[in-house]
Amino acid sequence: MRALPFLSVCVPARDEERSIGGVLDRLHAALAAAEIPHEILVECSGSVDDTRRQVWSRIDIMPLRLLDESAELGFGNAVRAMLDV
């Protein structure tokens, strides 16, 4: 059986404190259950709520990277920032 390639999942998030935790938990659980090697990149530009804290609270239990710009970049620029990693 061939090894699966490494998957990087890009998640733009702005002011998503109510939903980002559940999204990350379900996403990681599904990829882990399918035994897909992965990382989850969360781009958090312009958030003024606790989105960052929700991401940081999971950083030790799943393969997460937080890309954090202080300025609001907008959706397109957030995706570009994640692709540049």
C-alpha atoms as a PDB file:
ATOM      1  CA  MET A   1       0.000   0.000   0.000  1.00  0.00           C
ATOM      2  CA  ARG A   2       1.332   3.460  -0.902  1.00  0.00           C
ATOM      3  CA  ALA A   3       1.830   6.027   1.828  1.00  0.00           C
ATOM      4  CA  LEU A   4      -0.661   8.861   1.769  1.00  0.00           C
ATOM      5  CA  PRO A   5       0.732  12.326   1.010  1.00  0.00           C
ATOM      6  CA  PHE A   6       0.896  14.961   3.729  1.00  0.00           C
ATOM      7  CA  LEU A   7      -2.159  17.238   3.680  1.00  0.00           C
ATOM      8  CA  SER A   8      -2.156  20.887   4.738  1.00  0.00           C
ATOM      9  CA  VAL A   9      -5.658  22.177   5.454  1.00  0.00           C
ATOM     10  CA  CYS A  10      -6.048  25.965   5.327  1.00  0.00           C
ATOM     11  CA  VAL A  11      -8.739  27.517   7.528  1.00  0.00           C
ATOM     12  CA  PRO A  12      -9.279  31.289   7.328  1.00  0.00           C
ATOM     13  CA  ALA A  13     -10.933  32.473  10.537  1.00  0.00           C
ATOM     14  CA  ARG A  14     -12.044  35.953  11.544  1.00  0.00           C
ATOM     15  CA  ASP A  15     -14.127  36.401  14.684  1.00  0.00           C
ATOM     16  CA  GLU A  16     -15.061  32.712  14.827  1.00  0.00           C
ATOM     17  CA  GLU A  17     -14.712  32.089  18.571  1.00  0.00           C
ATOM     18  CA  ARG A  18     -18.073  30.303  18.751  1.00  0.00           C
ATOM     19  CA  SER A  19     -17.354  27.821  15.965  1.00  0.00           C
ATOM     20  CA  ILE A  20     -13.603  27.444  15.368  1.00  0.00           C
ATOM     21  CA  GLY A  21     -13.022  25.007  18.240  1.00  0.00           C
ATOM     22  CA  GLY A  22     -15.631  22.540  17.032  1.00  0.00           C
ATOM     23  CA  VAL A  23     -14.514  22.884  13.427  1.00  0.00           C
ATOM     24  CA  LEU A  24     -10.896  22.137  14.349  1.00  0.00           C
ATOM     25  CA  ASP A  25     -11.882  19.230  16.603  1.00  0.00           C
ATOM     26  CA  ARG A  26     -14.056  17.584  13.937  1.00  0.00           C
ATOM     27  CA  LEU A  27     -11.582  18.233  11.142  1.00  0.00           C
ATOM     28  CA  HIS A  28      -8.667  16.748  13.078  1.00  0.00           C
ATOM     29  CA  ALA A  29     -10.748  13.774  14.254  1.00  0.00           C
ATOM     30  CA  ALA A  30     -11.855  12.936  10.704  1.00  0.00           C
ATOM     31  CA  LEU A  31      -8.341  13.186   9.259  1.00  0.00           C
ATOM     32  CA  ALA A  32      -6.821  11.205  12.135  1.00  0.00           C
ATOM     33  CA  ALA A  33      -9.503   8.496  11.847  1.00  0.00           C
ATOM     34  CA  ALA A  34      -8.708   8.183   8.139  1.00  0.00           C
ATOM     35  CA  GLU A  35      -5.006   8.036   9.051  1.00  0.00           C
ATOM     36  CA  ILE A  36      -4.204  10.978   6.788  1.00  0.00           C
ATOM     37  CA  PRO A  37      -0.977  12.743   7.804  1.00  0.00           C
ATOM     38  CA  HIS A  38      -1.912  16.402   8.127  1.00  0.00           C
ATOM     39  CA  GLU A  39      -1.472  19.852   9.554  1.00  0.00           C
ATOM     40  CA  ILE A  40      -4.130  22.507  10.019  1.00  0.00           C
ATOM     41  CA  LEU A  41      -3.179  26.107   9.256  1.00  0.00           C
ATOM     42  CA  VAL A  42      -5.466  28.737  10.766  1.00  0.00           C
ATOM     43  CA  GLU A  43      -5.108  32.299   9.494  1.00  0.00           C
ATOM     44  CA  CYS A  44      -6.606  34.663  12.023  1.00  0.00           C
ATOM     45  CA  SER A  45      -6.177  38.192  10.667  1.00  0.00           C
ATOM     46  CA  GLY A  46      -8.310  40.958  12.061  1.00  0.00           C
ATOM     47  CA  SER A  47     -10.067  38.903  14.745  1.00  0.00           C
ATOM     48  CA  VAL A  48     -11.164  40.948  17.724  1.00  0.00           C
ATOM     49  CA  ASP A  49     -12.783  38.100  19.668  1.00  0.00           C
ATOM     50  CA  ASP A  50     -11.273  34.968  21.270  1.00  0.00           C
ATOM     51  CA  THR A  51     -10.666  33.046  18.031  1.00  0.00           C
ATOM     52  CA  ARG A  52      -6.914  32.986  18.707  1.00  0.00           C
ATOM     53  CA  ARG A  53      -7.420  31.620  22.215  1.00  0.00           C
ATOM     54  CA  GLN A  54      -9.626  28.824  20.861  1.00  0.00           C
ATOM     55  CA  VAL A  55      -6.881  27.850  18.417  1.00  0.00           C
ATOM     56  CA  TRP A  56      -4.070  28.121  20.998  1.00  0.00           C
ATOM     57  CA  SER A  57      -6.006  25.913  23.419  1.00  0.00           C
ATOM     58  CA  ARG A  58      -5.689  23.060  20.896  1.00  0.00           C
ATOM     59  CA  ILE A  59      -2.117  23.626  19.736  1.00  0.00           C
ATOM     60  CA  ASP A  60      -0.692  20.829  21.933  1.00  0.00           C
ATOM     61  CA  ILE A  61      -3.292  18.208  21.026  1.00  0.00           C
ATOM     62  CA  MET A  62      -3.375  18.426  17.234  1.00  0.00           C
ATOM     63  CA  PRO A  63      -1.033  19.523  14.425  1.00  0.00           C
ATOM     64  CA  LEU A  64      -2.012  23.196  14.284  1.00  0.00           C
ATOM     65  CA  ARG A  65      -0.228  26.299  13.110  1.00  0.00           C
ATOM     66  CA  LEU A  66      -1.638  29.743  13.800  1.00  0.00           C
ATOM     67  CA  LEU A  67      -0.835  32.429  11.260  1.00  0.00           C
ATOM     68  CA  ASP A  68      -1.740  35.690  12.886  1.00  0.00           C
ATOM     69  CA  GLU A  69      -1.718  39.032  11.147  1.00  0.00           C
ATOM     70  CA  SER A  70      -2.685  42.049  13.206  1.00  0.00           C
ATOM     71  CA  ALA A  71      -4.283  43.785  10.228  1.00  0.00           C
ATOM     72  CA  GLU A  72      -7.460  42.591   8.583  1.00  0.00           C
ATOM     73  CA  LEU A  73      -6.310  41.100   5.300  1.00  0.00           C
ATOM     74  CA  GLY A  74      -9.594  39.866   3.917  1.00  0.00           C
ATOM     75  CA  PHE A  75     -10.434  36.346   2.762  1.00  0.00           C
ATOM     76  CA  GLY A  76      -8.345  36.302  -0.424  1.00  0.00           C
ATOM     77  CA  ASN A  77      -5.231  37.639   1.264  1.00  0.00           C
ATOM     78  CA  ALA A  78      -5.703  35.231   4.163  1.00  0.00           C
ATOM     79  CA  VAL A  79      -5.698  32.303   1.730  1.00  0.00           C
ATOM     80  CA  ARG A  80      -2.606  33.680  -0.019  1.00  0.00           C
ATOM     81  CA  ALA A  81      -0.820  34.031   3.339  1.00  0.00           C
ATOM     82  CA  MET A  82      -1.515  30.366   4.128  1.00  0.00           C
ATOM     83  CA  LEU A  83      -0.242  29.255   0.717  1.00  0.00           C
ATOM     84  CA  ASP A  84       3.015  31.121   1.292  1.00  0.00           C
ATOM     85  CA  VAL A  85       3.844  29.023   4.374  1.00  0.00           C
END
